[in-house]
PDB file of N, CA and C in Angstrom:
ATOM      1  N   MET A   1      22.624 -15.451   5.035  1.00  0.00           N
ATOM      2  CA  MET A   1      21.588 -15.158   5.106  1.00  0.00           C
ATOM      3  C   MET A   1      21.679 -14.695   6.705  1.00  0.00           C
ATOM      4  N   ARG A   2      21.108 -13.578   6.833  1.00  0.00           N
ATOM      5  CA  ARG A   2      21.499 -12.978   7.938  1.00  0.00           C
ATOM      6  C   ARG A   2      19.565 -11.832   8.519  1.00  0.00           C
ATOM      7  N   PHE A   3      19.142 -12.285   9.127  1.00  0.00           N
ATOM      8  CA  PHE A   3      17.880 -11.314  10.065  1.00  0.00           C
ATOM      9  C   PHE A   3      18.517 -10.306  10.914  1.00  0.00           C
ATOM     10  N   GLY A   4      17.700  -9.753  10.497  1.00  0.00           N
ATOM     11  CA  GLY A   4      17.686  -8.191  11.644  1.00  0.00           C
ATOM     12  C   GLY A   4      17.655  -8.973  13.825  1.00  0.00           C
ATOM     13  N   ASP A   5      17.323  -7.977  14.326  1.00  0.00           N
ATOM     14  CA  ASP A   5      16.648  -7.931  15.068  1.00  0.00           C
ATOM     15  C   ASP A   5      15.081  -8.053  15.060  1.00  0.00           C
ATOM     16  N   TRP A   6      14.618  -8.681  16.256  1.00  0.00           N
ATOM     17  CA  TRP A   6      13.167  -8.732  16.560  1.00  0.00           C
ATOM     18  C   TRP A   6      12.548  -6.939  16.900  1.00  0.00           C
ATOM     19  N   TYR A   7      11.593  -6.500  16.495  1.00  0.00           N
ATOM     20  CA  TYR A   7      11.332  -5.047  15.945  1.00  0.00           C
ATOM     21  C   TYR A   7       9.727  -5.106  16.755  1.00  0.00           C
ATOM     22  N   PRO A   8       9.206  -4.178  17.231  1.00  0.00           N
ATOM     23  CA  PRO A   8       7.870  -4.426  17.375  1.00  0.00           C
ATOM     24  C   PRO A   8       7.141  -4.382  16.522  1.00  0.00           C
ATOM     25  N   LEU A   9       6.070  -4.806  15.924  1.00  0.00           N
ATOM     26  CA  LEU A   9       5.463  -4.867  14.375  1.00  0.00           C
ATOM     27  C   LEU A   9       5.130  -3.774  14.235  1.00  0.00           C
ATOM     28  N   SER A  10       3.839  -2.726  15.290  1.00  0.00           N
ATOM     29  CA  SER A  10       3.887  -1.387  15.486  1.00  0.00           C
ATOM     30  C   SER A  10       4.368  -0.371  15.511  1.00  0.00           C
ATOM     31  N   THR A  11       6.205  -0.531  15.449  1.00  0.00           N
ATOM     32  CA  THR A  11       6.307   0.753  14.966  1.00  0.00           C
ATOM     33  C   THR A  11       7.870   0.553  13.854  1.00  0.00           C
ATOM     34  N   ALA A  12       7.194  -0.463  12.427  1.00  0.00           N
ATOM     35  CA  ALA A  12       7.211  -0.800  11.505  1.00  0.00           C
ATOM     36  C   ALA A  12       7.863   0.627  10.964  1.00  0.00           C
ATOM     37  N   ARG A  13       8.626   1.154  10.876  1.00  0.00           N
ATOM     38  CA  ARG A  13       8.986   2.507   9.836  1.00  0.00           C
ATOM     39  C   ARG A  13      10.586   2.320  10.214  1.00  0.00           C
ATOM     40  N   ASP A  14      10.773   3.583   8.269  1.00  0.00           N
ATOM     41  CA  ASP A  14      12.343   3.709   8.405  1.00  0.00           C
ATOM     42  C   ASP A  14      13.315   2.281   7.865  1.00  0.00           C
ATOM     43  N   LEU A  15      12.155   1.522   6.946  1.00  0.00           N
ATOM     44  CA  LEU A  15      12.672   0.499   6.462  1.00  0.00           C
ATOM     45  C   LEU A  15      13.988   0.638   5.163  1.00  0.00           C
ATOM     46  N   PRO A  16      14.523  -0.405   5.209  1.00  0.00           N
ATOM     47  CA  PRO A  16      15.011  -0.365   4.506  1.00  0.00           C
ATOM     48  C   PRO A  16      14.304  -0.748   2.924  1.00  0.00           C
ATOM     49  N   ASP A  17      14.160   0.363   1.776  1.00  0.00           N
ATOM     50  CA  ASP A  17      14.011  -0.499   0.701  1.00  0.00           C
ATOM     51  C   ASP A  17      14.855  -1.576   0.200  1.00  0.00           C
ATOM     52  N   GLY A  18      13.385  -3.046  -0.340  1.00  0.00           N
ATOM     53  CA  GLY A  18      14.610  -3.372  -1.554  1.00  0.00           C
ATOM     54  C   GLY A  18      13.666  -4.910  -0.908  1.00  0.00           C
ATOM     55  N   GLU A  19      14.273  -5.667  -1.670  1.00  0.00           N
ATOM     56  CA  GLU A  19      13.243  -7.212  -1.741  1.00  0.00           C
ATOM     57  C   GLU A  19      14.231  -8.068  -0.420  1.00  0.00           C
ATOM     58  N   THR A  20      12.620  -9.008   0.955  1.00  0.00           N
ATOM     59  CA  THR A  20      13.199  -9.634   1.253  1.00  0.00           C
ATOM     60  C   THR A  20      12.801 -10.714   2.044  1.00  0.00           C
ATOM     61  N   VAL A  21      13.246 -11.289   3.168  1.00  0.00           N
ATOM     62  CA  VAL A  21      11.751 -12.134   3.615  1.00  0.00           C
ATOM     63  C   VAL A  21      11.139 -11.560   5.418  1.00  0.00           C
ATOM     64  N   LEU A  22      10.028 -11.944   5.438  1.00  0.00           N
ATOM     65  CA  LEU A  22      10.092 -10.944   6.965  1.00  0.00           C
ATOM     66  C   LEU A  22       9.584 -11.479   8.361  1.00  0.00           C
ATOM     67  N   GLN A  23       9.492 -12.283   9.251  1.00  0.00           N
ATOM     68  CA  GLN A  23       8.982 -13.418   9.976  1.00  0.00           C
ATOM     69  C   GLN A  23       8.326 -12.458  11.384  1.00  0.00           C
ATOM     70  N   LEU A  24       7.097 -12.893  11.864  1.00  0.00           N
ATOM     71  CA  LEU A  24       6.255 -12.706  13.025  1.00  0.00           C
ATOM     72  C   LEU A  24       6.269 -13.816  13.772  1.00  0.00           C
ATOM     73  N   ARG A  25       6.992 -12.861  15.222  1.00  0.00           N
ATOM     74  CA  ARG A  25       6.045 -14.221  16.030  1.00  0.00           C
ATOM     75  C   ARG A  25       5.415 -13.425  16.857  1.00  0.00           C
ATOM     76  N   LEU A  26       4.870 -13.779  17.688  1.00  0.00           N
ATOM     77  CA  LEU A  26       3.703 -13.732  19.367  1.00  0.00           C
ATOM     78  C   LEU A  26       5.373 -13.275  20.021  1.00  0.00           C
ATOM     79  N   ALA A  27       4.654 -11.742  20.364  1.00  0.00           N
ATOM     80  CA  ALA A  27       6.040 -10.387  21.516  1.00  0.00           C
ATOM     81  C   ALA A  27       5.927 -11.587  22.372  1.00  0.00           C
ATOM     82  N   THR A  28       5.044 -12.159  23.196  1.00  0.00           N
ATOM     83  CA  THR A  28       5.111 -13.293  24.081  1.00  0.00           C
ATOM     84  C   THR A  28       3.939 -14.218  23.941  1.00  0.00           C
ATOM     85  N   GLY A  29       4.564 -14.908  24.461  1.00  0.00           N
ATOM     86  CA  GLY A  29       3.471 -16.610  24.796  1.00  0.00           C
ATOM     87  C   GLY A  29       4.348 -17.508  23.833  1.00  0.00           C
ATOM     88  N   LEU A  30       3.678 -18.396  23.535  1.00  0.00           N
ATOM     89  CA  LEU A  30       3.941 -19.638  22.041  1.00  0.00           C
ATOM     90  C   LEU A  30       2.363 -20.110  21.709  1.00  0.00           C
ATOM     91  N   VAL A  31       2.516 -20.513  20.554  1.00  0.00           N
ATOM     92  CA  VAL A  31       1.557 -21.305  20.079  1.00  0.00           C
ATOM     93  C   VAL A  31       1.662 -22.451  20.390  1.00  0.00           C
ATOM     94  N   ASP A  32       0.125 -23.413  21.124  1.00  0.00           N
ATOM     95  CA  ASP A  32       0.449 -24.817  21.059  1.00  0.00           C
ATOM     96  C   ASP A  32       0.151 -25.238  19.003  1.00  0.00           C
ATOM     97  N   TYR A  33       1.546 -25.827  18.374  1.00  0.00           N
ATOM     98  CA  TYR A  33       1.246 -26.114  17.047  1.00  0.00           C
ATOM     99  C   TYR A  33       0.900 -27.799  17.516  1.00  0.00           C
ATOM    100  N   ALA A  34       0.554 -28.811  16.897  1.00  0.00           N
ATOM    101  CA  ALA A  34       0.807 -30.702  16.145  1.00  0.00           C
ATOM    102  C   ALA A  34       1.483 -31.102  17.104  1.00  0.00           C
ATOM    103  N   ARG A  35       3.091 -30.879  16.322  1.00  0.00           N
ATOM    104  CA  ARG A  35       3.884 -30.931  17.142  1.00  0.00           C
ATOM    105  C   ARG A  35       4.856 -30.521  17.729  1.00  0.00           C
ATOM    106  N   GLY A  36       4.421 -29.528  18.696  1.00  0.00           N
ATOM    107  CA  GLY A  36       5.249 -28.539  19.649  1.00  0.00           C
ATOM    108  C   GLY A  36       4.973 -27.562  19.785  1.00  0.00           C
ATOM    109  N   LYS A  37       5.238 -26.763  20.567  1.00  0.00           N
ATOM    110  CA  LYS A  37       5.294 -24.893  20.189  1.00  0.00           C
ATOM    111  C   LYS A  37       6.271 -23.861  19.959  1.00  0.00           C
ATOM    112  N   SER A  38       5.925 -22.999  19.953  1.00  0.00           N
ATOM    113  CA  SER A  38       6.480 -21.248  18.357  1.00  0.00           C
ATOM    114  C   SER A  38       5.609 -20.793  19.083  1.00  0.00           C
ATOM    115  N   ALA A  39       6.764 -19.342  18.759  1.00  0.00           N
ATOM    116  CA  ALA A  39       6.192 -17.871  19.061  1.00  0.00           C
ATOM    117  C   ALA A  39       5.678 -17.610  17.496  1.00  0.00           C
ATOM    118  N   MET A  40       6.355 -18.253  16.666  1.00  0.00           N
ATOM    119  CA  MET A  40       6.397 -18.068  14.848  1.00  0.00           C
ATOM    120  C   MET A  40       5.532 -18.136  14.553  1.00  0.00           C
ATOM    121  N   VAL A  41       4.434 -16.786  13.808  1.00  0.00           N
ATOM    122  CA  VAL A  41       2.673 -17.233  13.322  1.00  0.00           C
ATOM    123  C   VAL A  41       2.955 -16.832  11.772  1.00  0.00           C
ATOM    124  N   TRP A  42       4.433 -16.381  10.931  1.00  0.00           N
ATOM    125  CA  TRP A  42       3.506 -15.150   9.403  1.00  0.00           C
ATOM    126  C   TRP A  42       5.636 -15.522   9.099  1.00  0.00           C
ATOM    127  N   TYR A  43       5.419 -15.879   7.745  1.00  0.00           N
ATOM    128  CA  TYR A  43       6.608 -16.040   6.884  1.00  0.00           C
ATOM    129  C   TYR A  43       6.254 -14.787   5.855  1.00  0.00           C
ATOM    130  N   GLN A  44       6.818 -14.008   5.586  1.00  0.00           N
ATOM    131  CA  GLN A  44       6.684 -13.806   3.615  1.00  0.00           C
ATOM    132  C   GLN A  44       7.695 -12.674   3.438  1.00  0.00           C
ATOM    133  N   HIS A  45       7.503 -13.465   1.796  1.00  0.00           N
ATOM    134  CA  HIS A  45       8.527 -13.135   0.780  1.00  0.00           C
ATOM    135  C   HIS A  45       8.437 -11.110   0.373  1.00  0.00           C
ATOM    136  N   ALA A  46       8.521  -9.997   1.039  1.00  0.00           N
ATOM    137  CA  ALA A  46       7.899  -8.708   0.833  1.00  0.00           C
ATOM    138  C   ALA A  46       8.737  -8.802  -0.682  1.00  0.00           C
ATOM    139  N   ILE A  47       8.739  -8.050  -1.173  1.00  0.00           N
ATOM    140  CA  ILE A  47       9.388  -7.183  -2.344  1.00  0.00           C
ATOM    141  C   ILE A  47       9.784  -5.886  -1.676  1.00  0.00           C
ATOM    142  N   ASN A  48       9.161  -5.673  -0.456  1.00  0.00           N
ATOM    143  CA  ASN A  48       9.947  -4.090  -0.116  1.00  0.00           C
ATOM    144  C   ASN A  48      10.031  -3.847   1.418  1.00  0.00           C
ATOM    145  N   THR A  49      10.262  -3.745   2.271  1.00  0.00           N
ATOM    146  CA  THR A  49      10.287  -4.392   3.299  1.00  0.00           C
ATOM    147  C   THR A  49       9.804  -3.630   3.925  1.00  0.00           C
ATOM    148  N   GLU A  50       9.673  -2.333   3.645  1.00  0.00           N
ATOM    149  CA  GLU A  50       9.048  -1.346   4.211  1.00  0.00           C
ATOM    150  C   GLU A  50       7.030  -1.118   4.226  1.00  0.00           C
ATOM    151  N   ASP A  51       7.138  -1.427   2.938  1.00  0.00           N
ATOM    152  CA  ASP A  51       5.324  -1.454   2.711  1.00  0.00           C
ATOM    153  C   ASP A  51       5.305  -3.070   3.523  1.00  0.00           C
ATOM    154  N   ALA A  52       5.331  -4.005   3.078  1.00  0.00           N
ATOM    155  CA  ALA A  52       5.233  -4.913   3.872  1.00  0.00           C
ATOM    156  C   ALA A  52       4.917  -5.186   5.316  1.00  0.00           C
ATOM    157  N   ALA A  53       6.023  -4.760   5.593  1.00  0.00           N
ATOM    158  CA  ALA A  53       5.836  -4.446   7.254  1.00  0.00           C
ATOM    159  C   ALA A  53       4.637  -3.491   7.810  1.00  0.00           C
ATOM    160  N   ARG A  54       4.783  -2.651   6.662  1.00  0.00           N
ATOM    161  CA  ARG A  54       4.029  -1.532   7.384  1.00  0.00           C
ATOM    162  C   ARG A  54       1.956  -1.992   7.342  1.00  0.00           C
ATOM    163  N   ALA A  55       1.464  -2.308   5.903  1.00  0.00           N
ATOM    164  CA  ALA A  55       0.658  -3.248   5.456  1.00  0.00           C
ATOM    165  C   ALA A  55       0.916  -4.937   6.517  1.00  0.00           C
ATOM    166  N   LEU A  56       1.400  -4.658   6.932  1.00  0.00           N
ATOM    167  CA  LEU A  56       0.979  -6.297   7.966  1.00  0.00           C
ATOM    168  C   LEU A  56       1.580  -5.587   9.232  1.00  0.00           C
ATOM    169  N   ALA A  57       1.367  -4.957   9.939  1.00  0.00           N
ATOM    170  CA  ALA A  57       1.221  -3.933  11.159  1.00  0.00           C
ATOM    171  C   ALA A  57      -0.738  -3.004  10.992  1.00  0.00           C
ATOM    172  N   VAL A  58      -0.957  -2.833   9.775  1.00  0.00           N
ATOM    173  CA  VAL A  58      -2.408  -2.583  10.214  1.00  0.00           C
ATOM    174  C   VAL A  58      -3.208  -4.341   9.878  1.00  0.00           C
ATOM    175  N   ARG A  59      -2.791  -4.760   9.245  1.00  0.00           N
ATOM    176  CA  ARG A  59      -3.501  -6.083   9.445  1.00  0.00           C
ATOM    177  C   ARG A  59      -3.582  -6.478  10.259  1.00  0.00           C
ATOM    178  N   PHE A  60      -2.624  -6.993  11.593  1.00  0.00           N
ATOM    179  CA  PHE A  60      -2.581  -7.403  12.503  1.00  0.00           C
ATOM    180  C   PHE A  60      -2.631  -6.416  14.066  1.00  0.00           C
ATOM    181  N   ALA A  61      -3.045  -5.287  13.608  1.00  0.00           N
ATOM    182  CA  ALA A  61      -2.837  -4.174  14.924  1.00  0.00           C
ATOM    183  C   ALA A  61      -2.885  -4.713  16.383  1.00  0.00           C
ATOM    184  N   ALA A  62      -4.694  -5.312  15.936  1.00  0.00           N
ATOM    185  CA  ALA A  62      -5.025  -6.790  17.209  1.00  0.00           C
ATOM    186  C   ALA A  62      -4.227  -7.474  18.203  1.00  0.00           C
ATOM    187  N   HIS A  63      -2.958  -7.315  17.345  1.00  0.00           N
ATOM    188  CA  HIS A  63      -2.268  -8.760  17.835  1.00  0.00           C
ATOM    189  C   HIS A  63      -0.859  -7.653  18.335  1.00  0.00           C
ATOM    190  N   ASP A  64      -0.344  -8.711  19.453  1.00  0.00           N
ATOM    191  CA  ASP A  64       0.604  -8.130  19.906  1.00  0.00           C
ATOM    192  C   ASP A  64       1.794  -9.185  19.194  1.00  0.00           C
ATOM    193  N   LEU A  65       2.421  -8.341  18.066  1.00  0.00           N
ATOM    194  CA  LEU A  65       3.823  -9.362  17.542  1.00  0.00           C
ATOM    195  C   LEU A  65       4.425  -8.768  17.177  1.00  0.00           C
ATOM    196  N   VAL A  66       5.990  -9.131  16.939  1.00  0.00           N
ATOM    197  CA  VAL A  66       7.113  -8.443  16.794  1.00  0.00           C
ATOM    198  C   VAL A  66       7.792  -8.773  15.398  1.00  0.00           C
ATOM    199  N   CYS A  67       8.470  -8.589  15.193  1.00  0.00           N
ATOM    200  CA  CYS A  67       8.803  -8.150  13.600  1.00  0.00           C
ATOM    201  C   CYS A  67      10.459  -9.054  13.456  1.00  0.00           C
ATOM    202  N   ARG A  68      10.542  -9.280  12.401  1.00  0.00           N
ATOM    203  CA  ARG A  68      11.867  -9.024  11.596  1.00  0.00           C
ATOM    204  C   ARG A  68      12.190  -9.626  10.777  1.00  0.00           C
ATOM    205  N   HIS A  69      13.740  -8.690   9.724  1.00  0.00           N
ATOM    206  CA  HIS A  69      13.644  -8.873   8.504  1.00  0.00           C
ATOM    207  C   HIS A  69      15.002  -9.107   8.265  1.00  0.00           C
ATOM    208  N   LEU A  70      15.152  -9.716   6.718  1.00  0.00           N
ATOM    209  CA  LEU A  70      16.811 -10.510   6.660  1.00  0.00           C
ATOM    210  C   LEU A  70      17.781  -8.657   6.603  1.00  0.00           C
ATOM    211  N   ILE A  71      18.665  -8.680   7.098  1.00  0.00           N
ATOM    212  CA  ILE A  71      19.609  -8.111   6.506  1.00  0.00           C
ATOM    213  C   ILE A  71      20.980  -7.839   6.316  1.00  0.00           C
ATOM    214  N   GLU A  72      20.878  -9.475   5.660  1.00  0.00           N
ATOM    215  CA  GLU A  72      22.242  -9.578   4.967  1.00  0.00           C
ATOM    216  C   GLU A  72      21.767 -10.915   4.181  1.00  0.00           C
ATOM    217  N   VAL A  73      21.870 -10.826   2.481  1.00  0.00           N
ATOM    218  CA  VAL A  73      21.315 -11.419   1.575  1.00  0.00           C
ATOM    219  C   VAL A  73      21.900 -11.883   0.810  1.00  0.00           C
ATOM    220  N   ASP A  74      22.322 -13.626   0.667  1.00  0.00           N
ATOM    221  CA  ASP A  74      23.862 -13.814  -0.051  1.00  0.00           C
ATOM    222  C   ASP A  74      23.231 -14.117  -1.570  1.00  0.00           C
ATOM    223  N   ALA A  75      24.337 -13.143  -2.237  1.00  0.00           N
ATOM    224  CA  ALA A  75      23.805 -12.542  -3.752  1.00  0.00           C
ATOM    225  C   ALA A  75      23.352 -14.174  -4.614  1.00  0.00           C
ATOM    226  N   GLY A  76      22.886 -14.020  -5.466  1.00  0.00           N
ATOM    227  CA  GLY A  76      22.006 -14.824  -6.283  1.00  0.00           C
ATOM    228  C   GLY A  76      20.560 -15.393  -5.494  1.00  0.00           C
ATOM    229  N   VAL A  77      20.434 -15.033  -4.633  1.00  0.00           N
ATOM    230  CA  VAL A  77      19.418 -15.952  -4.036  1.00  0.00           C
ATOM    231  C   VAL A  77      17.969 -15.897  -4.166  1.00  0.00           C
ATOM    232  N   ASP A  78      17.610 -17.415  -4.052  1.00  0.00           N
ATOM    233  CA  ASP A  78      16.195 -16.208  -4.706  1.00  0.00           C
ATOM    234  C   ASP A  78      15.055 -16.012  -3.426  1.00  0.00           C
ATOM    235  N   LEU A  79      14.913 -15.030  -2.524  1.00  0.00           N
ATOM    236  CA  LEU A  79      14.272 -14.652  -1.799  1.00  0.00           C
ATOM    237  C   LEU A  79      12.634 -15.258  -1.554  1.00  0.00           C
ATOM    238  N   GLN A  80      11.990 -15.629  -3.111  1.00  0.00           N
ATOM    239  CA  GLN A  80      10.975 -15.586  -2.957  1.00  0.00           C
ATOM    240  C   GLN A  80      11.103 -17.625  -2.473  1.00  0.00           C
ATOM    241  N   ALA A  81      12.251 -18.984  -2.983  1.00  0.00           N
ATOM    242  CA  ALA A  81      12.758 -19.696  -3.012  1.00  0.00           C
ATOM    243  C   ALA A  81      12.564 -19.631  -0.653  1.00  0.00           C
ATOM    244  N   PHE A  82      13.413 -19.341  -0.778  1.00  0.00           N
ATOM    245  CA  PHE A  82      14.260 -18.962   0.386  1.00  0.00           C
ATOM    246  C   PHE A  82      13.158 -19.161   1.972  1.00  0.00           C
ATOM    247  N   CYS A  83      12.037 -18.029   1.250  1.00  0.00           N
ATOM    248  CA  CYS A  83      11.314 -17.480   2.239  1.00  0.00           C
ATOM    249  C   CYS A  83      10.225 -18.886   2.402  1.00  0.00           C
ATOM    250  N   ALA A  84       9.896 -20.004   1.076  1.00  0.00           N
ATOM    251  CA  ALA A  84       9.126 -21.022   0.870  1.00  0.00           C
ATOM    252  C   ALA A  84      10.281 -22.355   1.411  1.00  0.00           C
ATOM    253  N   LYS A  85      10.970 -21.897   1.269  1.00  0.00           N
ATOM    254  CA  LYS A  85      11.748 -22.961   2.624  1.00  0.00           C
ATOM    255  C   LYS A  85      11.806 -22.550   4.018  1.00  0.00           C
ATOM    256  N   LEU A  86      11.614 -22.218   4.452  1.00  0.00           N
ATOM    257  CA  LEU A  86      11.399 -22.033   6.004  1.00  0.00           C
ATOM    258  C   LEU A  86       9.945 -21.869   6.389  1.00  0.00           C
ATOM    259  N   ARG A  87       9.146 -21.326   5.411  1.00  0.00           N
ATOM    260  CA  ARG A  87       7.768 -21.953   5.523  1.00  0.00           C
ATOM    261  C   ARG A  87       7.392 -23.693   5.638  1.00  0.00           C
ATOM    262  N   GLY A  88       8.486 -24.401   4.354  1.00  0.00           N
ATOM    263  CA  GLY A  88       8.115 -25.447   4.555  1.00  0.00           C
ATOM    264  C   GLY A  88       8.816 -26.805   5.888  1.00  0.00           C
ATOM    265  N   ASP A  89       9.733 -25.973   5.959  1.00  0.00           N
ATOM    266  CA  ASP A  89      10.433 -26.273   7.131  1.00  0.00           C
ATOM    267  C   ASP A  89       9.976 -26.443   8.969  1.00  0.00           C
ATOM    268  N   PHE A  90       9.449 -24.858   9.163  1.00  0.00           N
ATOM    269  CA  PHE A  90       8.485 -25.728   9.690  1.00  0.00           C
ATOM    270  C   PHE A  90       7.457 -25.630   9.426  1.00  0.00           C
ATOM    271  N   GLU A  91       6.640 -25.899   8.596  1.00  0.00           N
ATOM    272  CA  GLU A  91       5.334 -27.400   8.594  1.00  0.00           C
ATOM    273  C   GLU A  91       5.938 -28.612   8.557  1.00  0.00           C
ATOM    274  N   ARG A  92       6.748 -29.045   8.372  1.00  0.00           N
ATOM    275  CA  ARG A  92       8.173 -30.200   8.910  1.00  0.00           C
ATOM    276  C   ARG A  92       8.151 -30.042  10.250  1.00  0.00           C
ATOM    277  N   ARG A  93       8.190 -29.472  10.708  1.00  0.00           N
ATOM    278  CA  ARG A  93       8.600 -28.997  12.213  1.00  0.00           C
ATOM    279  C   ARG A  93       7.524 -29.200  13.338  1.00  0.00           C
ATOM    280  N   PHE A  94       6.701 -28.892  13.118  1.00  0.00           N
ATOM    281  CA  PHE A  94       5.676 -28.225  13.922  1.00  0.00           C
ATOM    282  C   PHE A  94       4.095 -28.686  13.727  1.00  0.00           C
ATOM    283  N   GLY A  95       4.128 -29.519  12.588  1.00  0.00           N
ATOM    284  CA  GLY A  95       2.993 -30.369  11.889  1.00  0.00           C
ATOM    285  C   GLY A  95       2.259 -29.485  11.270  1.00  0.00           C
ATOM    286  N   SER A  96       1.712 -28.002  10.745  1.00  0.00           N
ATOM    287  CA  SER A  96       1.207 -27.321  10.238  1.00  0.00           C
ATOM    288  C   SER A  96       1.786 -25.810  10.026  1.00  0.00           C
ATOM    289  N   VAL A  97       1.442 -25.008   8.657  1.00  0.00           N
ATOM    290  CA  VAL A  97       1.781 -23.449   8.567  1.00  0.00           C
ATOM    291  C   VAL A  97       1.705 -23.168  10.090  1.00  0.00           C
ATOM    292  N   PRO A  98       2.668 -22.048   9.508  1.00  0.00           N
ATOM    293  CA  PRO A  98       2.091 -20.787  11.513  1.00  0.00           C
ATOM    294  C   PRO A  98       0.672 -20.320  11.452  1.00  0.00           C
ATOM    295  N   LEU A  99       0.187 -19.922  13.104  1.00  0.00           N
ATOM    296  CA  LEU A  99      -0.965 -18.955  13.028  1.00  0.00           C
ATOM    297  C   LEU A  99      -1.980 -18.901  12.210  1.00  0.00           C
ATOM    298  N   TYR A 100      -1.192 -17.884  11.975  1.00  0.00           N
ATOM    299  CA  TYR A 100      -1.585 -16.705  10.842  1.00  0.00           C
ATOM    300  C   TYR A 100      -2.244 -16.793   9.500  1.00  0.00           C
ATOM    301  N   GLU A 101      -2.056 -17.636   9.098  1.00  0.00           N
ATOM    302  CA  GLU A 101      -1.043 -18.573   7.301  1.00  0.00           C
ATOM    303  C   GLU A 101      -2.728 -18.837   7.491  1.00  0.00           C
ATOM    304  N   GLN A 102      -2.936 -20.247   8.845  1.00  0.00           N
ATOM    305  CA  GLN A 102      -4.271 -20.831   8.694  1.00  0.00           C
ATOM    306  C   GLN A 102      -5.034 -19.931   8.905  1.00  0.00           C
ATOM    307  N   GLN A 103      -5.060 -18.717   9.726  1.00  0.00           N
ATOM    308  CA  GLN A 103      -6.992 -17.962   9.731  1.00  0.00           C
ATOM    309  C   GLN A 103      -7.406 -16.626   8.602  1.00  0.00           C
ATOM    310  N   GLN A 104      -5.693 -16.873   8.071  1.00  0.00           N
ATOM    311  CA  GLN A 104      -5.860 -15.745   7.067  1.00  0.00           C
ATOM    312  C   GLN A 104      -5.599 -16.335   5.545  1.00  0.00           C
ATOM    313  N   PRO A 105      -5.589 -15.212   4.970  1.00  0.00           N
ATOM    314  CA  PRO A 105      -5.427 -15.632   3.561  1.00  0.00           C
ATOM    315  C   PRO A 105      -3.605 -14.638   3.599  1.00  0.00           C
ATOM    316  N   GLN A 106      -2.960 -15.155   2.618  1.00  0.00           N
ATOM    317  CA  GLN A 106      -1.182 -15.142   2.213  1.00  0.00           C
ATOM    318  C   GLN A 106      -1.093 -13.336   2.517  1.00  0.00           C
ATOM    319  N   ALA A 107      -0.680 -12.069   2.597  1.00  0.00           N
ATOM    320  CA  ALA A 107      -0.653 -11.419   1.826  1.00  0.00           C
ATOM    321  C   ALA A 107      -0.178 -10.678   1.036  1.00  0.00           C
ATOM    322  N   PRO A 108      -0.347  -9.985   0.141  1.00  0.00           N
ATOM    323  CA  PRO A 108      -0.013  -9.821  -1.160  1.00  0.00           C
ATOM    324  C   PRO A 108       1.959  -9.201  -0.772  1.00  0.00           C
TER     325      PRO A 108
END
């Protein structure tokens, strides 16, 4: 499993079709969480990379965020479960869910 490079969420275009996991973080700065600081604010399992990234770009247009998605996926991996694991690992490490998941309902 490997994520690609970070890119501005506002420029999410011409992304590959297919299922993925997206991560969003602040372009600059950190969020104070209960057990530390992190720039991460969102994790999402998506059926289609570009559709999901574009929807997030609209949803979070007022925020300076960068995004990345999986570019290598191990055969047979359940990406929804992988995303849930990433989110769970984050919550255990920082003592809460990522900031934007606290403030708004999860995007479909």
